[in-house]
């Protein structure tokens, strides 16, 4: 294999799909307003910028403030004793019921339910995409190539007829079974919180995206790309939540591998420049490119 294509969300946006997190926000407001309002309430979202960096923002929950705002009112001694008695009676009726080893946390349960529903909404949002605006194609070398796809869509399979055996959907695909992987890059230290805060941090930890975990889980794929001659990075934002993948690839591919990286905004270019500063051996073998559309009327969506 000569080529490794690393495909980010900018690739789908260039083709004409509305896959930005701003698009997700608008879809959520229209179809599941109660989820949208609950999310904005829990996170105290004040501006639209929160959605621009959706995954990173998920990890920036003010846990102390959240617990203070959403913890149920303290119960009286009488209410507590009544609950204990009801629980004891229930356990007597169900002798085989295993005892609960951890007390409940309403705050953690509330956040867990919200994020789980958000996951299902994201899958439905991707599956609802049925049309493109001004469909465009880019030139891909489909032979002798691997594709590391960070998108939940299957545009490579549908529109470029690339074999599934060449593609790794590193974070899952909305049309397949299995969990979609999305989340933040913050390390949460539950021992610094009181009980409820610690339980909330455990829920947030479920949505901590660790690139090296998924590299290990897909070891066979990443072993195959260690000797590629060309790396094409199309539509990647070089976000902090995904930069670990690019670090690993840079460190485990040959020093003479040629890179080309697409950019769309000045901020994109700044993040690429920062990446080069961290990997100085890339300086003379990385080219900046703009994605260019090609005429390709022979490529049609599989029915």
Protein backbone atom coordinates (compact mmCIF):
# COMPACT_ATOMS: atom_id res chain seq x y z
CA UNK A 1 0.00 0.00 0.00
CA UNK A 2 1.37 3.37 -1.04
CA UNK A 3 -1.25 5.82 0.16
CA UNK A 4 -2.93 6.59 3.47
CA UNK A 5 -5.90 8.94 3.30
CA UNK A 6 -6.97 10.50 6.60
CA UNK A 7 -10.50 11.78 6.13
CA UNK A 8 -12.09 14.39 8.43
CA UNK A 9 -15.40 16.21 8.55
CA UNK A 10 -14.19 18.91 6.17
CA UNK A 11 -14.18 16.27 3.44
CA UNK A 12 -17.93 15.66 3.79
CA UNK A 13 -18.60 19.39 4.07
CA UNK A 14 -16.68 19.97 0.85
CA UNK A 15 -18.73 17.29 -0.91
CA UNK A 16 -21.91 19.07 0.14
CA UNK A 17 -23.15 17.33 3.28
CA UNK A 18 -24.28 19.46 6.21
CA UNK A 19 -22.23 17.69 8.85
CA UNK A 20 -20.93 20.57 10.99
CA UNK A 21 -21.84 20.67 14.67
CA UNK A 22 -23.72 23.88 13.96
CA UNK A 23 -25.87 21.80 11.60
CA UNK A 24 -26.34 19.25 14.40
CA UNK A 25 -27.45 22.07 16.71
CA UNK A 26 -30.10 23.24 14.26
CA UNK A 27 -31.31 19.68 13.64
CA UNK A 28 -31.52 19.02 17.38
CA UNK A 29 -33.48 22.23 17.97
CA UNK A 30 -35.99 21.24 15.28
CA UNK A 31 -36.44 17.53 16.04
CA UNK A 32 -35.58 17.11 19.73
CA UNK A 33 -35.99 20.48 21.37
CA UNK A 34 -36.18 18.94 24.86
CA UNK A 35 -32.70 17.41 24.39
CA UNK A 36 -31.33 20.69 23.06
CA UNK A 37 -32.78 22.70 25.96
CA UNK A 38 -31.60 20.16 28.55
CA UNK A 39 -28.06 20.25 27.13
CA UNK A 40 -27.91 24.04 27.14
CA UNK A 41 -29.29 24.12 30.68
CA UNK A 42 -26.84 21.54 32.05
CA UNK A 43 -23.80 23.17 30.44
CA UNK A 44 -24.97 26.74 30.88
CA UNK A 45 -24.35 27.42 27.20
CA UNK A 46 -24.24 31.15 26.62
CA UNK A 47 -23.03 31.46 23.02
CA UNK A 48 -22.85 29.64 19.74
CA UNK A 49 -19.11 29.07 20.06
CA UNK A 50 -19.80 26.17 22.44
CA UNK A 51 -21.18 24.22 19.49
CA UNK A 52 -18.27 25.08 17.20
CA UNK A 53 -16.02 22.99 19.44
CA UNK A 54 -18.73 20.55 20.50
CA UNK A 55 -16.55 17.59 21.52
CA UNK A 56 -14.04 19.61 23.54
CA UNK A 57 -16.92 21.53 25.13
CA UNK A 58 -18.51 18.32 26.45
CA UNK A 59 -15.60 17.90 28.84
CA UNK A 60 -15.81 21.44 30.20
CA UNK A 61 -18.80 20.91 32.45
CA UNK A 62 -18.59 22.93 35.68
CA UNK A 63 -19.24 19.91 37.90
CA UNK A 64 -19.54 21.81 41.17
CA UNK A 65 -22.04 24.23 39.68
CA UNK A 66 -23.95 21.41 37.99
CA UNK A 67 -24.31 19.44 41.24
CA UNK A 68 -25.38 22.55 43.11
CA UNK A 69 -28.01 23.35 40.47
CA UNK A 70 -29.46 19.90 39.91
CA UNK A 71 -29.05 18.02 43.19
CA UNK A 72 -32.49 17.22 44.65
CA UNK A 73 -33.41 18.96 47.92
CA UNK A 74 -32.22 17.29 51.09
CA UNK A 75 -34.66 14.80 52.56
CA UNK A 76 -35.91 14.81 56.10
CA UNK A 77 -35.00 12.05 58.55
CA UNK A 78 -38.53 10.72 58.24
CA UNK A 79 -38.29 10.43 54.43
CA UNK A 80 -34.93 8.68 54.65
CA UNK A 81 -36.21 6.17 57.21
CA UNK A 82 -39.27 5.51 55.05
CA UNK A 83 -37.10 4.80 51.97
CA UNK A 84 -34.90 2.45 54.00
CA UNK A 85 -37.95 0.55 55.19
CA UNK A 86 -39.39 0.28 51.66
CA UNK A 87 -36.06 -0.95 50.34
CA UNK A 88 -35.84 -3.55 53.12
CA UNK A 89 -39.33 -4.86 52.28
CA UNK A 90 -38.45 -5.05 48.59
CA UNK A 91 -35.29 -7.04 49.32
CA UNK A 92 -37.31 -9.48 51.44
CA UNK A 93 -39.67 -10.12 48.53
CA UNK A 94 -36.75 -10.55 46.11
CA UNK A 95 -34.16 -12.54 48.10
CA UNK A 96 -31.96 -13.15 45.07
CA UNK A 97 -31.68 -9.47 44.23
CA UNK A 98 -27.97 -8.51 44.52
CA UNK A 99 -27.35 -5.65 46.92
CA UNK A 100 -26.45 -2.26 45.51
CA UNK A 101 -22.80 -1.60 46.31
CA UNK A 102 -22.93 2.10 45.50
CA UNK A 103 -25.53 4.65 46.58
CA UNK A 104 -27.47 6.36 43.82
CA UNK A 105 -26.58 9.79 42.48
CA UNK A 106 -29.50 11.63 40.86
CA UNK A 107 -27.08 14.18 39.37
CA UNK A 108 -25.00 11.48 37.69
CA UNK A 109 -28.12 9.64 36.49
CA UNK A 110 -29.47 12.85 34.94
CA UNK A 111 -26.24 13.50 33.01
CA UNK A 112 -25.88 9.87 31.95
CA UNK A 113 -29.37 9.84 30.51
CA UNK A 114 -28.82 13.13 28.67
CA UNK A 115 -25.54 12.07 27.06
CA UNK A 116 -26.93 8.65 26.10
CA UNK A 117 -29.91 10.30 24.40
CA UNK A 118 -27.52 12.73 22.70
CA UNK A 119 -25.62 9.75 21.29
CA UNK A 120 -28.82 8.33 19.80
CA UNK A 121 -29.74 11.75 18.39
CA UNK A 122 -26.37 12.01 16.68
CA UNK A 123 -26.90 8.66 14.95
CA UNK A 124 -30.38 9.72 13.79
CA UNK A 125 -29.00 13.04 12.56
CA UNK A 126 -26.40 11.33 10.37
CA UNK A 127 -28.93 8.80 9.10
CA UNK A 128 -31.35 11.60 8.18
CA UNK A 129 -28.94 13.06 5.61
CA UNK A 130 -30.39 12.35 2.22
CA UNK A 131 -29.26 15.19 -0.01
CA UNK A 132 -26.16 17.11 -1.03
CA UNK A 133 -25.86 20.74 -1.92
CA UNK A 134 -23.81 21.13 -5.13
CA UNK A 135 -22.28 17.66 -4.90
CA UNK A 136 -18.51 17.75 -5.47
CA UNK A 137 -15.87 15.07 -5.80
CA UNK A 138 -12.15 15.05 -5.14
CA UNK A 139 -9.54 12.97 -6.87
CA UNK A 140 -8.65 9.90 -4.78
CA UNK A 141 -6.17 7.20 -5.68
CA UNK A 142 -8.30 4.19 -4.80
CA UNK A 143 -5.70 1.60 -5.72
CA UNK A 144 -2.96 0.72 -3.24
CA UNK A 145 -4.60 2.87 -0.58
CA UNK A 146 -5.91 2.76 2.97
CA UNK A 147 -8.52 5.16 4.33
CA UNK A 148 -8.68 6.23 7.97
CA UNK A 149 -12.13 7.77 8.19
CA UNK A 150 -13.08 9.97 11.16
CA UNK A 151 -16.57 10.60 9.81
CA UNK A 152 -19.71 8.70 10.77
CA UNK A 153 -20.93 8.78 7.16
CA UNK A 154 -20.14 6.33 4.38
CA UNK A 155 -19.43 8.73 1.53
CA UNK A 156 -16.28 6.79 0.58
CA UNK A 157 -18.27 3.59 0.08
CA UNK A 158 -21.32 5.18 -1.53
CA UNK A 159 -19.81 7.74 -3.87
CA UNK A 160 -16.30 6.45 -4.53
CA UNK A 161 -17.10 2.72 -4.38
CA UNK A 162 -14.11 2.06 -2.17
CA UNK A 163 -14.02 -1.40 -0.63
CA UNK A 164 -14.89 -1.62 3.06
CA UNK A 165 -11.74 -3.69 3.52
CA UNK A 166 -9.69 -0.55 2.75
CA UNK A 167 -11.53 1.70 5.20
CA UNK A 168 -11.38 1.99 8.96
CA UNK A 169 -14.19 4.00 10.55
CA UNK A 170 -12.15 4.72 13.64
CA UNK A 171 -15.09 6.23 15.54
CA UNK A 172 -17.86 4.07 14.09
CA UNK A 173 -20.39 4.60 11.31
CA UNK A 174 -23.98 5.70 11.80
CA UNK A 175 -25.31 3.02 9.47
CA UNK A 176 -23.66 0.15 11.34
CA UNK A 177 -24.32 -1.35 14.72
CA UNK A 178 -22.11 -0.30 17.57
CA UNK A 179 -21.43 2.87 19.49
CA UNK A 180 -20.44 6.12 17.82
CA UNK A 181 -17.29 7.42 19.45
CA UNK A 182 -17.33 11.10 20.27
CA UNK A 183 -16.17 13.04 23.27
CA UNK A 184 -13.69 15.33 24.95
CA UNK A 185 -9.98 15.29 25.79
CA UNK A 186 -10.13 16.43 29.42
CA UNK A 187 -8.81 14.33 32.27
CA UNK A 188 -11.23 14.39 35.19
CA UNK A 189 -10.11 13.73 38.74
CA UNK A 190 -13.10 12.44 40.67
CA UNK A 191 -11.25 12.35 44.00
CA UNK A 192 -11.29 16.16 44.16
CA UNK A 193 -15.10 16.21 44.30
CA UNK A 194 -17.60 15.33 46.98
CA UNK A 195 -19.67 12.19 46.39
CA UNK A 196 -22.11 13.45 43.74
CA UNK A 197 -19.39 15.34 41.89
CA UNK A 198 -17.26 12.20 41.76
CA UNK A 199 -20.13 10.22 40.26
CA UNK A 200 -20.76 12.94 37.67
CA UNK A 201 -17.07 12.92 36.69
CA UNK A 202 -17.34 9.13 36.19
CA UNK A 203 -20.18 9.69 33.72
CA UNK A 204 -18.15 12.29 31.84
CA UNK A 205 -15.17 9.94 31.78
CA UNK A 206 -17.23 7.54 29.64
CA UNK A 207 -17.05 10.23 26.94
CA UNK A 208 -13.32 10.79 27.21
CA UNK A 209 -11.81 10.05 23.80
CA UNK A 210 -8.40 8.43 24.13
CA UNK A 211 -6.83 8.03 20.65
CA UNK A 212 -4.31 5.45 21.83
CA UNK A 213 -7.11 3.20 23.06
CA UNK A 214 -8.60 3.02 19.56
CA UNK A 215 -5.20 2.65 17.92
CA UNK A 216 -4.62 -0.39 20.13
CA UNK A 217 -8.09 -1.80 19.35
CA UNK A 218 -7.36 -1.47 15.61
CA UNK A 219 -3.75 -2.58 15.79
CA UNK A 220 -3.91 -4.63 12.59
CA UNK A 221 -4.90 -1.59 10.52
CA UNK A 222 -2.26 0.68 12.01
CA UNK A 223 0.44 -1.94 11.47
CA UNK A 224 -0.38 -1.92 7.75
CA UNK A 225 0.08 1.83 7.36
CA UNK A 226 3.56 1.98 8.86
CA UNK A 227 5.26 1.80 5.44
CA UNK A 228 3.07 4.06 3.30
CA UNK A 229 4.81 6.46 0.92
CA UNK A 230 2.16 9.20 0.81
CA UNK A 231 -0.19 10.54 3.47
CA UNK A 232 -3.14 12.68 2.42
CA UNK A 233 -4.99 14.52 5.21
CA UNK A 234 -8.30 15.80 3.86
CA UNK A 235 -10.75 17.83 5.93
CA UNK A 236 -9.17 17.30 9.35
CA UNK A 237 -9.46 20.20 11.79
CA UNK A 238 -6.44 19.10 13.87
CA UNK A 239 -8.69 19.32 16.92
CA UNK A 240 -7.12 18.49 20.32
CA UNK A 241 -9.46 15.49 20.65
CA UNK A 242 -7.98 13.82 17.53
CA UNK A 243 -4.43 15.12 17.40
CA UNK A 244 -3.12 11.99 19.13
CA UNK A 245 -3.88 9.92 16.02
CA UNK A 246 -1.83 12.24 13.84
CA UNK A 247 1.00 12.23 16.39
CA UNK A 248 1.11 8.43 16.31
CA UNK A 249 1.03 8.25 12.50
CA UNK A 250 3.79 10.83 12.17
CA UNK A 251 5.98 8.96 14.64
CA UNK A 252 5.40 5.49 13.15
CA UNK A 253 5.71 6.16 9.42
CA UNK A 254 9.00 6.58 7.50
CA UNK A 255 10.89 9.87 7.67
CA UNK A 256 10.68 10.20 3.89
CA UNK A 257 6.89 9.79 3.67
CA UNK A 258 5.33 12.70 1.77
CA UNK A 259 2.42 14.52 3.39
CA UNK A 260 -0.24 16.76 1.88
CA UNK A 261 -2.74 18.47 4.15
CA UNK A 262 -5.83 20.37 3.08
CA UNK A 263 -6.87 23.59 4.77
CA UNK A 264 -9.94 25.81 4.46
CA UNK A 265 -9.61 28.68 6.95
CA UNK A 266 -6.68 30.59 8.42
CA UNK A 267 -7.36 28.87 11.74
CA UNK A 268 -6.94 25.52 9.99
CA UNK A 269 -3.56 26.60 8.71
CA UNK A 270 -2.45 27.79 12.15
CA UNK A 271 -3.29 24.43 13.70
CA UNK A 272 -1.36 22.64 10.95
CA UNK A 273 1.61 24.94 11.53
CA UNK A 274 1.49 24.13 15.26
CA UNK A 275 1.48 20.44 14.42
CA UNK A 276 4.60 20.91 12.27
CA UNK A 277 6.30 22.71 15.14
CA UNK A 278 5.74 19.61 17.25
CA UNK A 279 7.08 17.39 14.44
CA UNK A 280 9.87 19.39 12.84
CA UNK A 281 10.93 16.59 10.52
CA UNK A 282 7.71 17.24 8.56
CA UNK A 283 8.73 20.75 7.56
CA UNK A 284 10.29 19.89 4.19
CA UNK A 285 7.96 17.07 3.22
CA UNK A 286 4.49 18.50 3.91
CA UNK A 287 2.52 20.47 1.35
CA UNK A 288 -0.55 22.62 2.02
CA UNK A 289 -3.36 22.07 -0.46
CA UNK A 290 -6.92 23.15 -1.13
CA UNK A 291 -9.48 20.50 -1.96
CA UNK A 292 -10.36 20.78 -5.65
CA UNK A 293 -13.53 19.39 -7.21
CA UNK A 294 -13.44 17.17 -10.27
CA UNK A 295 -16.10 16.16 -12.75
CA UNK A 296 -17.06 12.55 -12.06
CA UNK A 297 -20.47 11.71 -13.43
CA UNK A 298 -19.76 7.98 -13.28
CA UNK A 299 -19.88 7.92 -9.49
CA UNK A 300 -23.39 7.46 -8.16
CA UNK A 301 -24.82 6.64 -4.76
CA UNK A 302 -25.46 2.95 -4.16
CA UNK A 303 -29.14 2.22 -3.70
